[in-house]
Amino acid sequence: MSPEFVTGFILEALKVAILLAAPVLVFGLVAGLIVSIFQAATQINEMTLVFIPKMLAVGLAILIFFPWMLKIIIGFAESLFMNIPTYIR
């Protein structure tokens, strides 16, 4: 295995990880921002108020994006398994 191959493989794995995490993180960020604006407007400073909406938003994001996420990870795994003979050399 050459250093270029290892670098390319790691970059592809990181790209897949970022693609899989991005929708969930964005939904959590938006939910947190909305709750923070609500807290600022009503002057309710309860730290635990943020967790339930964020959990619901993350769950919703997983439900919405799961087929797409599954397609991405299956494509990565298929390319990984199909190229095992190339990786061994």
PDB file of N, CA and C in Angstrom:
ATOM      1  N   MET A   1       0.844  -1.190   0.000  1.00  0.00           N
ATOM      2  CA  MET A   1       0.000   0.000   0.000  1.00  0.00           C
ATOM      3  C   MET A   1       0.881   1.242   0.000  1.00  0.00           C
ATOM      4  N   SER A   2       0.566   2.131  -0.882  1.00  0.00           N
ATOM      5  CA  SER A   2       1.333   3.361  -0.983  1.00  0.00           C
ATOM      6  C   SER A   2       0.718   4.439  -0.082  1.00  0.00           C
ATOM      7  N   PRO A   3       1.510   5.417   0.255  1.00  0.00           N
ATOM      8  CA  PRO A   3       0.975   6.516   1.073  1.00  0.00           C
ATOM      9  C   PRO A   3      -0.180   7.264   0.378  1.00  0.00           C
ATOM     10  N   GLU A   4      -0.116   7.350  -0.956  1.00  0.00           N
ATOM     11  CA  GLU A   4      -1.187   8.012  -1.697  1.00  0.00           C
ATOM     12  C   GLU A   4      -2.495   7.239  -1.558  1.00  0.00           C
ATOM     13  N   PHE A   5      -2.413   5.907  -1.608  1.00  0.00           N
ATOM     14  CA  PHE A   5      -3.611   5.083  -1.467  1.00  0.00           C
ATOM     15  C   PHE A   5      -4.224   5.254  -0.085  1.00  0.00           C
ATOM     16  N   VAL A   6      -3.388   5.201   0.941  1.00  0.00           N
ATOM     17  CA  VAL A   6      -3.882   5.338   2.314  1.00  0.00           C
ATOM     18  C   VAL A   6      -4.509   6.716   2.513  1.00  0.00           C
ATOM     19  N   THR A   7      -3.866   7.743   1.997  1.00  0.00           N
ATOM     20  CA  THR A   7      -4.401   9.092   2.116  1.00  0.00           C
ATOM     21  C   THR A   7      -5.747   9.212   1.396  1.00  0.00           C
ATOM     22  N   GLY A   8      -5.831   8.658   0.193  1.00  0.00           N
ATOM     23  CA  GLY A   8      -7.085   8.698  -0.554  1.00  0.00           C
ATOM     24  C   GLY A   8      -8.192   7.934   0.143  1.00  0.00           C
ATOM     25  N   PHE A   9      -7.853   6.779   0.708  1.00  0.00           N
ATOM     26  CA  PHE A   9      -8.839   5.971   1.421  1.00  0.00           C
ATOM     27  C   PHE A   9      -9.348   6.699   2.660  1.00  0.00           C
ATOM     28  N   ILE A  10      -8.451   7.310   3.401  1.00  0.00           N
ATOM     29  CA  ILE A  10      -8.848   8.049   4.604  1.00  0.00           C
ATOM     30  C   ILE A  10      -9.703   9.264   4.228  1.00  0.00           C
ATOM     31  N   LEU A  11      -9.338   9.956   3.165  1.00  0.00           N
ATOM     32  CA  LEU A  11     -10.145  11.096   2.728  1.00  0.00           C
ATOM     33  C   LEU A  11     -11.548  10.668   2.311  1.00  0.00           C
ATOM     34  N   GLU A  12     -11.650   9.533   1.609  1.00  0.00           N
ATOM     35  CA  GLU A  12     -12.971   9.030   1.211  1.00  0.00           C
ATOM     36  C   GLU A  12     -13.799   8.638   2.440  1.00  0.00           C
ATOM     37  N   ALA A  13     -13.168   7.989   3.413  1.00  0.00           N
ATOM     38  CA  ALA A  13     -13.869   7.605   4.640  1.00  0.00           C
ATOM     39  C   ALA A  13     -14.327   8.840   5.418  1.00  0.00           C
ATOM     40  N   LEU A  14     -13.498   9.858   5.487  1.00  0.00           N
ATOM     41  CA  LEU A  14     -13.885  11.092   6.170  1.00  0.00           C
ATOM     42  C   LEU A  14     -15.022  11.799   5.434  1.00  0.00           C
ATOM     43  N   LYS A  15     -14.984  11.772   4.096  1.00  0.00           N
ATOM     44  CA  LYS A  15     -16.062  12.378   3.316  1.00  0.00           C
ATOM     45  C   LYS A  15     -17.388  11.678   3.593  1.00  0.00           C
ATOM     46  N   VAL A  16     -17.361  10.357   3.650  1.00  0.00           N
ATOM     47  CA  VAL A  16     -18.578   9.598   3.939  1.00  0.00           C
ATOM     48  C   VAL A  16     -19.069   9.906   5.354  1.00  0.00           C
ATOM     49  N   ALA A  17     -18.152   9.975   6.309  1.00  0.00           N
ATOM     50  CA  ALA A  17     -18.549  10.272   7.693  1.00  0.00           C
ATOM     51  C   ALA A  17     -19.172  11.664   7.810  1.00  0.00           C
ATOM     52  N   ILE A  18     -18.614  12.644   7.113  1.00  0.00           N
ATOM     53  CA  ILE A  18     -19.166  13.994   7.151  1.00  0.00           C
ATOM     54  C   ILE A  18     -20.533  14.035   6.477  1.00  0.00           C
ATOM     55  N   LEU A  19     -20.669  13.335   5.343  1.00  0.00           N
ATOM     56  CA  LEU A  19     -21.969  13.283   4.662  1.00  0.00           C
ATOM     57  C   LEU A  19     -23.036  12.640   5.537  1.00  0.00           C
ATOM     58  N   LEU A  20     -22.667  11.613   6.280  1.00  0.00           N
ATOM     59  CA  LEU A  20     -23.638  10.937   7.134  1.00  0.00           C
ATOM     60  C   LEU A  20     -24.012  11.778   8.352  1.00  0.00           C
ATOM     61  N   ALA A  21     -23.073  12.525   8.880  1.00  0.00           N
ATOM     62  CA  ALA A  21     -23.328  13.292  10.101  1.00  0.00           C
ATOM     63  C   ALA A  21     -23.965  14.656   9.833  1.00  0.00           C
ATOM     64  N   ALA A  22     -23.763  15.211   8.645  1.00  0.00           N
ATOM     65  CA  ALA A  22     -24.194  16.583   8.370  1.00  0.00           C
ATOM     66  C   ALA A  22     -25.690  16.824   8.558  1.00  0.00           C
ATOM     67  N   PRO A  23     -26.582  16.012   8.001  1.00  0.00           N
ATOM     68  CA  PRO A  23     -28.014  16.323   8.178  1.00  0.00           C
ATOM     69  C   PRO A  23     -28.464  16.289   9.637  1.00  0.00           C
ATOM     70  N   VAL A  24     -27.947  15.334  10.384  1.00  0.00           N
ATOM     71  CA  VAL A  24     -28.333  15.212  11.793  1.00  0.00           C
ATOM     72  C   VAL A  24     -27.805  16.400  12.583  1.00  0.00           C
ATOM     73  N   LEU A  25     -26.577  16.797  12.314  1.00  0.00           N
ATOM     74  CA  LEU A  25     -26.006  17.942  13.023  1.00  0.00           C
ATOM     75  C   LEU A  25     -26.712  19.246  12.668  1.00  0.00           C
ATOM     76  N   VAL A  26     -27.097  19.401  11.412  1.00  0.00           N
ATOM     77  CA  VAL A  26     -27.796  20.624  10.997  1.00  0.00           C
ATOM     78  C   VAL A  26     -29.173  20.707  11.656  1.00  0.00           C
ATOM     79  N   PHE A  27     -29.899  19.586  11.696  1.00  0.00           N
ATOM     80  CA  PHE A  27     -31.209  19.595  12.353  1.00  0.00           C
ATOM     81  C   PHE A  27     -31.056  19.915  13.842  1.00  0.00           C
ATOM     82  N   GLY A  28     -30.057  19.345  14.500  1.00  0.00           N
ATOM     83  CA  GLY A  28     -29.806  19.646  15.914  1.00  0.00           C
ATOM     84  C   GLY A  28     -29.428  21.096  16.128  1.00  0.00           C
ATOM     85  N   LEU A  29     -28.626  21.643  15.224  1.00  0.00           N
ATOM     86  CA  LEU A  29     -28.225  23.044  15.324  1.00  0.00           C
ATOM     87  C   LEU A  29     -29.419  23.974  15.156  1.00  0.00           C
ATOM     88  N   VAL A  30     -30.255  23.692  14.181  1.00  0.00           N
ATOM     89  CA  VAL A  30     -31.434  24.541  13.952  1.00  0.00           C
ATOM     90  C   VAL A  30     -32.391  24.464  15.144  1.00  0.00           C
ATOM     91  N   ALA A  31     -32.595  23.272  15.676  1.00  0.00           N
ATOM     92  CA  ALA A  31     -33.469  23.129  16.847  1.00  0.00           C
ATOM     93  C   ALA A  31     -32.901  23.887  18.041  1.00  0.00           C
ATOM     94  N   GLY A  32     -31.614  23.792  18.263  1.00  0.00           N
ATOM     95  CA  GLY A  32     -30.979  24.525  19.356  1.00  0.00           C
ATOM     96  C   GLY A  32     -31.081  26.028  19.179  1.00  0.00           C
ATOM     97  N   LEU A  33     -30.938  26.488  17.938  1.00  0.00           N
ATOM     98  CA  LEU A  33     -31.050  27.915  17.659  1.00  0.00           C
ATOM     99  C   LEU A  33     -32.466  28.426  17.907  1.00  0.00           C
ATOM    100  N   ILE A  34     -33.450  27.650  17.476  1.00  0.00           N
ATOM    101  CA  ILE A  34     -34.845  28.053  17.690  1.00  0.00           C
ATOM    102  C   ILE A  34     -35.173  28.101  19.179  1.00  0.00           C
ATOM    103  N   VAL A  35     -34.732  27.109  19.927  1.00  0.00           N
ATOM    104  CA  VAL A  35     -34.988  27.092  21.370  1.00  0.00           C
ATOM    105  C   VAL A  35     -34.245  28.240  22.053  1.00  0.00           C
ATOM    106  N   SER A  36     -33.031  28.538  21.599  1.00  0.00           N
ATOM    107  CA  SER A  36     -32.277  29.647  22.188  1.00  0.00           C
ATOM    108  C   SER A  36     -32.971  30.982  21.940  1.00  0.00           C
ATOM    109  N   ILE A  37     -33.512  31.172  20.736  1.00  0.00           N
ATOM    110  CA  ILE A  37     -34.248  32.407  20.446  1.00  0.00           C
ATOM    111  C   ILE A  37     -35.497  32.488  21.323  1.00  0.00           C
ATOM    112  N   PHE A  38     -36.189  31.354  21.483  1.00  0.00           N
ATOM    113  CA  PHE A  38     -37.358  31.314  22.365  1.00  0.00           C
ATOM    114  C   PHE A  38     -36.974  31.653  23.804  1.00  0.00           C
ATOM    115  N   GLN A  39     -35.867  31.099  24.273  1.00  0.00           N
ATOM    116  CA  GLN A  39     -35.418  31.382  25.641  1.00  0.00           C
ATOM    117  C   GLN A  39     -35.042  32.842  25.809  1.00  0.00           C
ATOM    118  N   ALA A  40     -34.411  33.414  24.794  1.00  0.00           N
ATOM    119  CA  ALA A  40     -34.026  34.822  24.888  1.00  0.00           C
ATOM    120  C   ALA A  40     -35.258  35.729  24.872  1.00  0.00           C
ATOM    121  N   ALA A  41     -36.255  35.361  24.080  1.00  0.00           N
ATOM    122  CA  ALA A  41     -37.465  36.191  23.984  1.00  0.00           C
ATOM    123  C   ALA A  41     -38.299  36.112  25.255  1.00  0.00           C
ATOM    124  N   THR A  42     -38.353  34.940  25.873  1.00  0.00           N
ATOM    125  CA  THR A  42     -39.191  34.772  27.072  1.00  0.00           C
ATOM    126  C   THR A  42     -38.402  34.892  28.368  1.00  0.00           C
ATOM    127  N   GLN A  43     -37.098  35.003  28.275  1.00  0.00           N
ATOM    128  CA  GLN A  43     -36.196  35.084  29.422  1.00  0.00           C
ATOM    129  C   GLN A  43     -36.301  33.862  30.323  1.00  0.00           C
ATOM    130  N   ILE A  44     -36.572  32.708  29.726  1.00  0.00           N
ATOM    131  CA  ILE A  44     -36.547  31.437  30.456  1.00  0.00           C
ATOM    132  C   ILE A  44     -35.147  30.863  30.265  1.00  0.00           C
ATOM    133  N   ASN A  45     -34.390  30.771  31.337  1.00  0.00           N
ATOM    134  CA  ASN A  45     -33.018  30.285  31.248  1.00  0.00           C
ATOM    135  C   ASN A  45     -32.893  28.892  31.843  1.00  0.00           C
ATOM    136  N   GLU A  46     -33.633  27.960  31.295  1.00  0.00           N
ATOM    137  CA  GLU A  46     -33.580  26.575  31.765  1.00  0.00           C
ATOM    138  C   GLU A  46     -32.695  25.786  30.810  1.00  0.00           C
ATOM    139  N   MET A  47     -31.618  25.213  31.343  1.00  0.00           N
ATOM    140  CA  MET A  47     -30.653  24.500  30.495  1.00  0.00           C
ATOM    141  C   MET A  47     -31.215  23.202  29.928  1.00  0.00           C
ATOM    142  N   THR A  48     -32.112  22.565  30.657  1.00  0.00           N
ATOM    143  CA  THR A  48     -32.637  21.279  30.200  1.00  0.00           C
ATOM    144  C   THR A  48     -33.721  21.436  29.136  1.00  0.00           C
ATOM    145  N   LEU A  49     -34.198  22.647  28.917  1.00  0.00           N
ATOM    146  CA  LEU A  49     -35.238  22.893  27.920  1.00  0.00           C
ATOM    147  C   LEU A  49     -34.748  22.607  26.505  1.00  0.00           C
ATOM    148  N   VAL A  50     -33.458  22.667  26.268  1.00  0.00           N
ATOM    149  CA  VAL A  50     -32.900  22.490  24.932  1.00  0.00           C
ATOM    150  C   VAL A  50     -32.848  21.015  24.527  1.00  0.00           C
ATOM    151  N   PHE A  51     -32.714  20.106  25.465  1.00  0.00           N
ATOM    152  CA  PHE A  51     -32.419  18.716  25.134  1.00  0.00           C
ATOM    153  C   PHE A  51     -33.557  17.997  24.417  1.00  0.00           C
ATOM    154  N   ILE A  52     -34.784  18.161  24.870  1.00  0.00           N
ATOM    155  CA  ILE A  52     -35.906  17.434  24.252  1.00  0.00           C
ATOM    156  C   ILE A  52     -36.120  17.862  22.799  1.00  0.00           C
ATOM    157  N   PRO A  53     -36.186  19.164  22.488  1.00  0.00           N
ATOM    158  CA  PRO A  53     -36.335  19.533  21.072  1.00  0.00           C
ATOM    159  C   PRO A  53     -35.167  19.060  20.202  1.00  0.00           C
ATOM    160  N   LYS A  54     -33.949  19.101  20.748  1.00  0.00           N
ATOM    161  CA  LYS A  54     -32.805  18.621  19.972  1.00  0.00           C
ATOM    162  C   LYS A  54     -32.906  17.126  19.717  1.00  0.00           C
ATOM    163  N   MET A  55     -33.306  16.368  20.717  1.00  0.00           N
ATOM    164  CA  MET A  55     -33.452  14.922  20.526  1.00  0.00           C
ATOM    165  C   MET A  55     -34.529  14.624  19.500  1.00  0.00           C
ATOM    166  N   LEU A  56     -35.640  15.355  19.553  1.00  0.00           N
ATOM    167  CA  LEU A  56     -36.704  15.160  18.571  1.00  0.00           C
ATOM    168  C   LEU A  56     -36.236  15.540  17.165  1.00  0.00           C
ATOM    169  N   ALA A  57     -35.489  16.623  17.057  1.00  0.00           N
ATOM    170  CA  ALA A  57     -34.986  17.059  15.748  1.00  0.00           C
ATOM    171  C   ALA A  57     -34.001  16.044  15.171  1.00  0.00           C
ATOM    172  N   VAL A  58     -33.125  15.521  16.013  1.00  0.00           N
ATOM    173  CA  VAL A  58     -32.167  14.514  15.546  1.00  0.00           C
ATOM    174  C   VAL A  58     -32.898  13.241  15.136  1.00  0.00           C
ATOM    175  N   GLY A  59     -33.882  12.822  15.903  1.00  0.00           N
ATOM    176  CA  GLY A  59     -34.673  11.646  15.530  1.00  0.00           C
ATOM    177  C   GLY A  59     -35.409  11.857  14.216  1.00  0.00           C
ATOM    178  N   LEU A  60     -35.964  13.048  14.022  1.00  0.00           N
ATOM    179  CA  LEU A  60     -36.651  13.375  12.778  1.00  0.00           C
ATOM    180  C   LEU A  60     -35.678  13.360  11.600  1.00  0.00           C
ATOM    181  N   ALA A  61     -34.489  13.914  11.810  1.00  0.00           N
ATOM    182  CA  ALA A  61     -33.481  13.924  10.740  1.00  0.00           C
ATOM    183  C   ALA A  61     -33.075  12.504  10.362  1.00  0.00           C
ATOM    184  N   ILE A  62     -32.930  11.637  11.353  1.00  0.00           N
ATOM    185  CA  ILE A  62     -32.578  10.247  11.064  1.00  0.00           C
ATOM    186  C   ILE A  62     -33.696   9.568  10.286  1.00  0.00           C
ATOM    187  N   LEU A  63     -34.944   9.814  10.665  1.00  0.00           N
ATOM    188  CA  LEU A  63     -36.067   9.223   9.935  1.00  0.00           C
ATOM    189  C   LEU A  63     -36.140   9.723   8.491  1.00  0.00           C
ATOM    190  N   ILE A  64     -35.919  11.005   8.298  1.00  0.00           N
ATOM    191  CA  ILE A  64     -36.016  11.576   6.957  1.00  0.00           C
ATOM    192  C   ILE A  64     -34.855  11.138   6.075  1.00  0.00           C
ATOM    193  N   PHE A  65     -33.642  11.191   6.603  1.00  0.00           N
ATOM    194  CA  PHE A  65     -32.453  10.963   5.784  1.00  0.00           C
ATOM    195  C   PHE A  65     -31.925   9.534   5.827  1.00  0.00           C
ATOM    196  N   PHE A  66     -32.600   8.622   6.554  1.00  0.00           N
ATOM    197  CA  PHE A  66     -32.078   7.264   6.687  1.00  0.00           C
ATOM    198  C   PHE A  66     -31.913   6.544   5.354  1.00  0.00           C
ATOM    199  N   PRO A  67     -32.876   6.603   4.425  1.00  0.00           N
ATOM    200  CA  PRO A  67     -32.649   5.905   3.149  1.00  0.00           C
ATOM    201  C   PRO A  67     -31.427   6.442   2.395  1.00  0.00           C
ATOM    202  N   TRP A  68     -31.266   7.746   2.386  1.00  0.00           N
ATOM    203  CA  TRP A  68     -30.110   8.347   1.731  1.00  0.00           C
ATOM    204  C   TRP A  68     -28.807   7.962   2.434  1.00  0.00           C
ATOM    205  N   MET A  69     -28.813   7.996   3.772  1.00  0.00           N
ATOM    206  CA  MET A  69     -27.629   7.625   4.539  1.00  0.00           C
ATOM    207  C   MET A  69     -27.272   6.164   4.309  1.00  0.00           C
ATOM    208  N   LEU A  70     -28.277   5.316   4.240  1.00  0.00           N
ATOM    209  CA  LEU A  70     -28.059   3.900   4.002  1.00  0.00           C
ATOM    210  C   LEU A  70     -27.462   3.676   2.620  1.00  0.00           C
ATOM    211  N   LYS A  71     -27.935   4.420   1.630  1.00  0.00           N
ATOM    212  CA  LYS A  71     -27.393   4.311   0.274  1.00  0.00           C
ATOM    213  C   LYS A  71     -25.921   4.713   0.240  1.00  0.00           C
ATOM    214  N   ILE A  72     -25.586   5.779   0.945  1.00  0.00           N
ATOM    215  CA  ILE A  72     -24.197   6.262   0.979  1.00  0.00           C
ATOM    216  C   ILE A  72     -23.286   5.219   1.632  1.00  0.00           C
ATOM    217  N   ILE A  73     -23.684   4.687   2.782  1.00  0.00           N
ATOM    218  CA  ILE A  73     -22.824   3.746   3.499  1.00  0.00           C
ATOM    219  C   ILE A  73     -22.733   2.412   2.769  1.00  0.00           C
ATOM    220  N   ILE A  74     -23.819   1.991   2.109  1.00  0.00           N
ATOM    221  CA  ILE A  74     -23.769   0.745   1.336  1.00  0.00           C
ATOM    222  C   ILE A  74     -22.842   0.916   0.131  1.00  0.00           C
ATOM    223  N   GLY A  75     -22.909   2.060  -0.528  1.00  0.00           N
ATOM    224  CA  GLY A  75     -21.997   2.320  -1.651  1.00  0.00           C
ATOM    225  C   GLY A  75     -20.547   2.301  -1.214  1.00  0.00           C
ATOM    226  N   PHE A  76     -20.257   2.899  -0.073  1.00  0.00           N
ATOM    227  CA  PHE A  76     -18.881   2.897   0.439  1.00  0.00           C
ATOM    228  C   PHE A  76     -18.437   1.483   0.783  1.00  0.00           C
ATOM    229  N   ALA A  77     -19.309   0.726   1.450  1.00  0.00           N
ATOM    230  CA  ALA A  77     -18.955  -0.644   1.832  1.00  0.00           C
ATOM    231  C   ALA A  77     -18.790  -1.532   0.600  1.00  0.00           C
ATOM    232  N   GLU A  78     -19.655  -1.366  -0.407  1.00  0.00           N
ATOM    233  CA  GLU A  78     -19.521  -2.156  -1.629  1.00  0.00           C
ATOM    234  C   GLU A  78     -18.207  -1.880  -2.321  1.00  0.00           C
ATOM    235  N   SER A  79     -17.831  -0.603  -2.435  1.00  0.00           N
ATOM    236  CA  SER A  79     -16.551  -0.276  -3.075  1.00  0.00           C
ATOM    237  C   SER A  79     -15.383  -0.796  -2.253  1.00  0.00           C
ATOM    238  N   LEU A  80     -15.536  -0.792  -0.945  1.00  0.00           N
ATOM    239  CA  LEU A  80     -14.494  -1.315  -0.076  1.00  0.00           C
ATOM    240  C   LEU A  80     -14.307  -2.808  -0.281  1.00  0.00           C
ATOM    241  N   PHE A  81     -15.422  -3.559  -0.291  1.00  0.00           N
ATOM    242  CA  PHE A  81     -15.330  -5.009  -0.447  1.00  0.00           C
ATOM    243  C   PHE A  81     -14.940  -5.419  -1.857  1.00  0.00           C
ATOM    244  N   MET A  82     -15.389  -4.684  -2.865  1.00  0.00           N
ATOM    245  CA  MET A  82     -15.045  -5.024  -4.245  1.00  0.00           C
ATOM    246  C   MET A  82     -13.564  -4.809  -4.524  1.00  0.00           C
ATOM    247  N   ASN A  83     -12.943  -3.883  -3.821  1.00  0.00           N
ATOM    248  CA  ASN A  83     -11.543  -3.553  -4.079  1.00  0.00           C
ATOM    249  C   ASN A  83     -10.578  -4.218  -3.112  1.00  0.00           C
ATOM    250  N   ILE A  84     -11.031  -5.199  -2.341  1.00  0.00           N
ATOM    251  CA  ILE A  84     -10.135  -5.888  -1.404  1.00  0.00           C
ATOM    252  C   ILE A  84      -8.933  -6.497  -2.113  1.00  0.00           C
ATOM    253  N   PRO A  85      -9.099  -7.143  -3.278  1.00  0.00           N
ATOM    254  CA  PRO A  85      -7.894  -7.661  -3.962  1.00  0.00           C
ATOM    255  C   PRO A  85      -6.883  -6.572  -4.319  1.00  0.00           C
ATOM    256  N   THR A  86      -7.383  -5.403  -4.657  1.00  0.00           N
ATOM    257  CA  THR A  86      -6.481  -4.279  -4.966  1.00  0.00           C
ATOM    258  C   THR A  86      -5.776  -3.805  -3.701  1.00  0.00           C
ATOM    259  N   TYR A  87      -6.484  -3.802  -2.584  1.00  0.00           N
ATOM    260  CA  TYR A  87      -5.898  -3.327  -1.338  1.00  0.00           C
ATOM    261  C   TYR A  87      -4.808  -4.260  -0.840  1.00  0.00           C
ATOM    262  N   ILE A  88      -4.946  -5.548  -1.111  1.00  0.00           N
ATOM    263  CA  ILE A  88      -3.980  -6.521  -0.602  1.00  0.00           C
ATOM    264  C   ILE A  88      -2.619  -6.375  -1.277  1.00  0.00           C
ATOM    265  N   ARG A  89      -2.636  -6.017  -2.542  1.00  0.00           N
ATOM    266  CA  ARG A  89      -1.361  -5.894  -3.289  1.00  0.00           C
ATOM    267  C   ARG A  89      -0.502  -4.806  -2.788  1.00  0.00           C
TER     268      ARG A  89
END
